[in-house]
Amino acid sequence: MQTSWMLLQLLVHSRLLTSVLKTRVREGLVISFSLWLLIVTSHPSMVNAQSPALHPYGTVGAEVFVNTMRAYGNLPVAGEREPIRTVVVPATAYTSDPDETDDTPFITASGTTVRRGVIATNFLKIGTRVRIPDFYGDEVFVVEDRMNARYDKRIDIWMEEKQEARQFGIRQVRLEIF
């Protein structure tokens, strides 16, 4: 009776031990695989940058790819476009002074850096090209900035010097929109 009881306990414990080991083996394999994957992907293999490029026909140098384009004629040259429309608007000038701009005085509303040829306006799309022929001749300006929301039909021309902007003042200008 005693031996059968011990055998029964051994059998129960061995089944319990087997199920625990199976679970632990599975967990061990998952952990081992995860560690192996982490090690393999976090340590890239080294490449010898000095070795020549292998090609089925020998080594290929960069000079093979230089000047491989052939001339097929000239592309058509775009002529002067006529303005889509012309409007007369009040124009003022602004500088990158923090009193005249927001908290990023040298960055336009389109994300570019201010420079000669940038204007601000609210009634044209960003990227619109315009000319102010009465004051700047054929120089092309690009709308890259915005003005305060209260200003609708007017433009603000960026200038580098505050004195130059003050001297410009406010003027009625003929604006050619392209």
C-alpha atoms as a PDB file:
ATOM      1  CA  MET A   1       0.000   0.000   0.000  1.00  0.00           C
ATOM      2  CA  GLN A   2       2.824   2.321   0.931  1.00  0.00           C
ATOM      3  CA  THR A   3       4.658   1.704  -2.361  1.00  0.00           C
ATOM      4  CA  SER A   4       1.556   2.224  -4.461  1.00  0.00           C
ATOM      5  CA  TRP A   5       0.918   5.506  -2.663  1.00  0.00           C
ATOM      6  CA  MET A   6       4.495   6.600  -3.325  1.00  0.00           C
ATOM      7  CA  LEU A   7       4.204   5.521  -6.947  1.00  0.00           C
ATOM      8  CA  LEU A   8       1.015   7.523  -7.322  1.00  0.00           C
ATOM      9  CA  GLN A   9       2.675  10.607  -5.813  1.00  0.00           C
ATOM     10  CA  LEU A  10       5.708  10.159  -8.059  1.00  0.00           C
ATOM     11  CA  LEU A  11       3.453   9.898 -11.102  1.00  0.00           C
ATOM     12  CA  VAL A  12       1.539  13.065 -10.169  1.00  0.00           C
ATOM     13  CA  HIS A  13       4.735  14.964  -9.438  1.00  0.00           C
ATOM     14  CA  SER A  14       6.397  13.786 -12.656  1.00  0.00           C
ATOM     15  CA  ARG A  15       3.395  14.960 -14.719  1.00  0.00           C
ATOM     16  CA  LEU A  16       3.509  18.291 -12.929  1.00  0.00           C
ATOM     17  CA  LEU A  17       7.268  18.494 -13.422  1.00  0.00           C
ATOM     18  CA  THR A  18       6.909  17.617 -17.124  1.00  0.00           C
ATOM     19  CA  SER A  19       4.296  20.326 -17.723  1.00  0.00           C
ATOM     20  CA  VAL A  20       6.447  22.880 -15.887  1.00  0.00           C
ATOM     21  CA  LEU A  21       9.504  21.897 -17.931  1.00  0.00           C
ATOM     22  CA  LYS A  22       7.548  22.092 -21.199  1.00  0.00           C
ATOM     23  CA  THR A  23       6.429  25.619 -20.324  1.00  0.00           C
ATOM     24  CA  ARG A  24       9.925  26.628 -19.257  1.00  0.00           C
ATOM     25  CA  VAL A  25      11.486  25.119 -22.373  1.00  0.00           C
ATOM     26  CA  ARG A  26       9.084  27.082 -24.558  1.00  0.00           C
ATOM     27  CA  GLU A  27       9.861  30.277 -22.649  1.00  0.00           C
ATOM     28  CA  GLY A  28      13.575  29.540 -22.835  1.00  0.00           C
ATOM     29  CA  LEU A  29      13.413  29.060 -26.598  1.00  0.00           C
ATOM     30  CA  VAL A  30      11.472  32.300 -27.070  1.00  0.00           C
ATOM     31  CA  ILE A  31      13.925  34.238 -24.896  1.00  0.00           C
ATOM     32  CA  SER A  32      16.940  32.662 -26.641  1.00  0.00           C
ATOM     33  CA  PHE A  33      15.555  33.462 -30.100  1.00  0.00           C
ATOM     34  CA  SER A  34      14.752  37.048 -29.064  1.00  0.00           C
ATOM     35  CA  LEU A  35      18.269  37.578 -27.723  1.00  0.00           C
ATOM     36  CA  TRP A  36      19.818  36.076 -30.855  1.00  0.00           C
ATOM     37  CA  LEU A  37      17.681  38.336 -33.074  1.00  0.00           C
ATOM     38  CA  LEU A  38      18.615  41.393 -31.013  1.00  0.00           C
ATOM     39  CA  ILE A  39      22.328  40.604 -31.234  1.00  0.00           C
ATOM     40  CA  VAL A  40      22.252  39.915 -34.975  1.00  0.00           C
ATOM     41  CA  THR A  41      20.326  43.075 -35.846  1.00  0.00           C
ATOM     42  CA  SER A  42      22.150  45.439 -33.503  1.00  0.00           C
ATOM     43  CA  HIS A  43      25.657  44.611 -34.737  1.00  0.00           C
ATOM     44  CA  PRO A  44      25.915  45.240 -38.480  1.00  0.00           C
ATOM     45  CA  SER A  45      28.599  43.375 -40.301  1.00  0.00           C
ATOM     46  CA  MET A  46      31.635  45.363 -41.392  1.00  0.00           C
ATOM     47  CA  VAL A  47      32.184  46.171 -45.036  1.00  0.00           C
ATOM     48  CA  ASN A  48      35.559  46.896 -46.529  1.00  0.00           C
ATOM     49  CA  ALA A  49      35.003  50.210 -48.291  1.00  0.00           C
ATOM     50  CA  GLN A  50      38.367  49.972 -50.050  1.00  0.00           C
ATOM     51  CA  SER A  51      37.561  46.798 -51.971  1.00  0.00           C
ATOM     52  CA  PRO A  52      36.695  47.288 -55.662  1.00  0.00           C
ATOM     53  CA  ALA A  53      33.108  46.800 -56.783  1.00  0.00           C
ATOM     54  CA  LEU A  54      32.558  43.335 -58.193  1.00  0.00           C
ATOM     55  CA  HIS A  55      30.923  43.154 -61.566  1.00  0.00           C
ATOM     56  CA  PRO A  56      30.494  40.183 -63.942  1.00  0.00           C
ATOM     57  CA  TYR A  57      32.636  41.982 -66.556  1.00  0.00           C
ATOM     58  CA  GLY A  58      35.291  43.215 -64.168  1.00  0.00           C
ATOM     59  CA  THR A  59      35.477  46.302 -62.019  1.00  0.00           C
ATOM     60  CA  VAL A  60      33.288  49.250 -62.911  1.00  0.00           C
ATOM     61  CA  GLY A  61      34.616  52.725 -62.314  1.00  0.00           C
ATOM     62  CA  ALA A  62      32.652  55.916 -61.918  1.00  0.00           C
ATOM     63  CA  GLU A  63      33.994  57.264 -65.207  1.00  0.00           C
ATOM     64  CA  VAL A  64      31.812  54.763 -67.082  1.00  0.00           C
ATOM     65  CA  PHE A  65      28.716  56.647 -65.969  1.00  0.00           C
ATOM     66  CA  VAL A  66      29.970  60.169 -66.609  1.00  0.00           C
ATOM     67  CA  ASN A  67      28.692  61.939 -69.738  1.00  0.00           C
ATOM     68  CA  THR A  68      26.585  59.052 -70.966  1.00  0.00           C
ATOM     69  CA  MET A  69      23.774  61.325 -72.158  1.00  0.00           C
ATOM     70  CA  ARG A  70      23.553  62.040 -75.835  1.00  0.00           C
ATOM     71  CA  ALA A  71      22.252  65.255 -77.323  1.00  0.00           C
ATOM     72  CA  TYR A  72      18.870  64.863 -78.998  1.00  0.00           C
ATOM     73  CA  GLY A  73      18.296  68.516 -79.791  1.00  0.00           C
ATOM     74  CA  ASN A  74      17.276  71.545 -77.796  1.00  0.00           C
ATOM     75  CA  LEU A  75      14.256  71.859 -75.578  1.00  0.00           C
ATOM     76  CA  PRO A  76      11.824  74.639 -76.391  1.00  0.00           C
ATOM     77  CA  VAL A  77      12.513  77.892 -74.590  1.00  0.00           C
ATOM     78  CA  ALA A  78       9.578  79.377 -72.715  1.00  0.00           C
ATOM     79  CA  GLY A  79       8.853  82.917 -73.728  1.00  0.00           C
ATOM     80  CA  GLU A  80       7.681  85.715 -71.488  1.00  0.00           C
ATOM     81  CA  ARG A  81       4.328  84.881 -70.017  1.00  0.00           C
ATOM     82  CA  GLU A  82       1.649  87.469 -69.892  1.00  0.00           C
ATOM     83  CA  PRO A  83       0.290  88.220 -66.425  1.00  0.00           C
ATOM     84  CA  ILE A  84      -2.921  86.392 -65.536  1.00  0.00           C
ATOM     85  CA  ARG A  85      -4.267  89.605 -64.056  1.00  0.00           C
ATOM     86  CA  THR A  86      -3.134  93.007 -62.892  1.00  0.00           C
ATOM     87  CA  VAL A  87      -4.374  94.681 -59.703  1.00  0.00           C
ATOM     88  CA  VAL A  88      -3.594  97.910 -57.897  1.00  0.00           C
ATOM     89  CA  VAL A  89      -3.014  97.366 -54.177  1.00  0.00           C
ATOM     90  CA  PRO A  90      -1.435  99.230 -51.280  1.00  0.00           C
ATOM     91  CA  ALA A  91       2.134  98.077 -50.632  1.00  0.00           C
ATOM     92  CA  THR A  92       4.177  98.430 -47.479  1.00  0.00           C
ATOM     93  CA  ALA A  93       7.575  97.071 -46.500  1.00  0.00           C
ATOM     94  CA  TYR A  94       8.642  94.980 -43.531  1.00  0.00           C
ATOM     95  CA  THR A  95      11.879  93.715 -42.029  1.00  0.00           C
ATOM     96  CA  SER A  96      12.790  90.793 -39.795  1.00  0.00           C
ATOM     97  CA  ASP A  97      12.487  92.960 -36.692  1.00  0.00           C
ATOM     98  CA  PRO A  98      10.668  90.970 -33.948  1.00  0.00           C
ATOM     99  CA  ASP A  99       8.290  93.938 -33.507  1.00  0.00           C
ATOM    100  CA  GLU A 100       7.060  93.431 -37.071  1.00  0.00           C
ATOM    101  CA  THR A 101       6.909  89.622 -37.150  1.00  0.00           C
ATOM    102  CA  ASP A 102       5.927  86.622 -35.060  1.00  0.00           C
ATOM    103  CA  ASP A 103       8.342  84.647 -32.867  1.00  0.00           C
ATOM    104  CA  THR A 104      10.337  83.403 -35.906  1.00  0.00           C
ATOM    105  CA  PRO A 105      11.405  86.651 -37.612  1.00  0.00           C
ATOM    106  CA  PHE A 106      13.609  85.113 -40.311  1.00  0.00           C
ATOM    107  CA  ILE A 107      11.269  82.251 -41.295  1.00  0.00           C
ATOM    108  CA  THR A 108       8.369  82.871 -43.685  1.00  0.00           C
ATOM    109  CA  ALA A 109       4.927  81.291 -43.439  1.00  0.00           C
ATOM    110  CA  SER A 110       5.976  78.823 -46.146  1.00  0.00           C
ATOM    111  CA  GLY A 111       9.001  77.736 -44.082  1.00  0.00           C
ATOM    112  CA  THR A 112      11.716  79.426 -46.147  1.00  0.00           C
ATOM    113  CA  THR A 113      14.250  81.991 -44.983  1.00  0.00           C
ATOM    114  CA  VAL A 114      13.472  85.618 -45.809  1.00  0.00           C
ATOM    115  CA  ARG A 115      15.454  87.151 -48.656  1.00  0.00           C
ATOM    116  CA  ARG A 116      15.129  89.757 -51.384  1.00  0.00           C
ATOM    117  CA  GLY A 117      12.146  88.952 -53.592  1.00  0.00           C
ATOM    118  CA  VAL A 118       9.835  87.687 -50.818  1.00  0.00           C
ATOM    119  CA  ILE A 119       6.463  89.305 -50.281  1.00  0.00           C
ATOM    120  CA  ALA A 120       3.693  88.710 -47.793  1.00  0.00           C
ATOM    121  CA  THR A 121       0.011  88.849 -48.692  1.00  0.00           C
ATOM    122  CA  ASN A 122      -3.218  87.104 -47.770  1.00  0.00           C
ATOM    123  CA  PHE A 123      -5.151  87.324 -51.035  1.00  0.00           C
ATOM    124  CA  LEU A 124      -2.762  85.198 -53.149  1.00  0.00           C
ATOM    125  CA  LYS A 125      -1.642  81.586 -52.720  1.00  0.00           C
ATOM    126  CA  ILE A 126       1.807  80.862 -51.320  1.00  0.00           C
ATOM    127  CA  GLY A 127       4.179  80.368 -54.238  1.00  0.00           C
ATOM    128  CA  THR A 128       2.400  82.827 -56.545  1.00  0.00           C
ATOM    129  CA  ARG A 129       4.838  84.837 -58.649  1.00  0.00           C
ATOM    130  CA  VAL A 130       4.249  88.564 -59.106  1.00  0.00           C
ATOM    131  CA  ARG A 131       5.970  91.607 -60.543  1.00  0.00           C
ATOM    132  CA  ILE A 132       5.822  95.241 -59.442  1.00  0.00           C
ATOM    133  CA  PRO A 133       6.913  96.856 -62.721  1.00  0.00           C
ATOM    134  CA  ASP A 134       6.517 100.518 -61.713  1.00  0.00           C
ATOM    135  CA  PHE A 135       9.039 100.204 -58.863  1.00  0.00           C
ATOM    136  CA  TYR A 136      11.102  97.055 -59.550  1.00  0.00           C
ATOM    137  CA  GLY A 137      10.927  96.568 -63.338  1.00  0.00           C
ATOM    138  CA  ASP A 138      11.120  92.896 -64.356  1.00  0.00           C
ATOM    139  CA  GLU A 139      12.150  91.595 -60.913  1.00  0.00           C
ATOM    140  CA  VAL A 140       9.942  88.670 -59.897  1.00  0.00           C
ATOM    141  CA  PHE A 141       8.669  88.399 -56.328  1.00  0.00           C
ATOM    142  CA  VAL A 142       7.242  85.247 -54.756  1.00  0.00           C
ATOM    143  CA  VAL A 143       4.475  85.117 -52.157  1.00  0.00           C
ATOM    144  CA  GLU A 144       6.058  83.169 -49.285  1.00  0.00           C
ATOM    145  CA  ASP A 145       4.733  84.941 -46.214  1.00  0.00           C
ATOM    146  CA  ARG A 146       1.417  85.989 -44.711  1.00  0.00           C
ATOM    147  CA  MET A 147       0.273  89.226 -43.147  1.00  0.00           C
ATOM    148  CA  ASN A 148      -1.916  89.850 -40.128  1.00  0.00           C
ATOM    149  CA  ALA A 149      -5.447  88.559 -40.813  1.00  0.00           C
ATOM    150  CA  ARG A 150      -6.914  92.081 -40.766  1.00  0.00           C
ATOM    151  CA  TYR A 151      -5.040  92.946 -44.001  1.00  0.00           C
ATOM    152  CA  ASP A 152      -6.706  91.500 -47.080  1.00  0.00           C
ATOM    153  CA  LYS A 153      -5.968  93.232 -50.385  1.00  0.00           C
ATOM    154  CA  ARG A 154      -2.452  94.544 -49.801  1.00  0.00           C
ATOM    155  CA  ILE A 155       1.149  93.347 -50.005  1.00  0.00           C
ATOM    156  CA  ASP A 156       4.149  93.624 -47.730  1.00  0.00           C
ATOM    157  CA  ILE A 157       7.608  93.549 -49.352  1.00  0.00           C
ATOM    158  CA  TRP A 158      10.486  92.168 -47.250  1.00  0.00           C
ATOM    159  CA  MET A 159      13.496  94.464 -46.974  1.00  0.00           C
ATOM    160  CA  GLU A 160      16.772  93.927 -45.185  1.00  0.00           C
ATOM    161  CA  GLU A 161      17.153  97.373 -43.618  1.00  0.00           C
ATOM    162  CA  LYS A 162      14.570  99.087 -41.407  1.00  0.00           C
ATOM    163  CA  GLN A 163      15.515 102.517 -42.832  1.00  0.00           C
ATOM    164  CA  GLU A 164      14.860 101.265 -46.370  1.00  0.00           C
ATOM    165  CA  ALA A 165      11.441  99.927 -45.297  1.00  0.00           C
ATOM    166  CA  ARG A 166      10.524 103.235 -43.625  1.00  0.00           C
ATOM    167  CA  GLN A 167      11.592 105.149 -46.715  1.00  0.00           C
ATOM    168  CA  PHE A 168       9.367 102.903 -48.865  1.00  0.00           C
ATOM    169  CA  GLY A 169       6.378 103.815 -46.683  1.00  0.00           C
ATOM    170  CA  ILE A 170       2.974 102.914 -48.110  1.00  0.00           C
ATOM    171  CA  ARG A 171       2.394 103.163 -51.849  1.00  0.00           C
ATOM    172  CA  GLN A 172      -0.250 102.147 -54.339  1.00  0.00           C
ATOM    173  CA  VAL A 173       1.424  99.678 -56.717  1.00  0.00           C
ATOM    174  CA  ARG A 174       0.389  97.897 -59.873  1.00  0.00           C
ATOM    175  CA  LEU A 175       0.861  94.182 -59.234  1.00  0.00           C
ATOM    176  CA  GLU A 176       1.183  91.769 -62.174  1.00  0.00           C
ATOM    177  CA  ILE A 177       0.155  88.269 -61.064  1.00  0.00           C
ATOM    178  CA  PHE A 178       1.479  85.202 -62.884  1.00  0.00           C
END
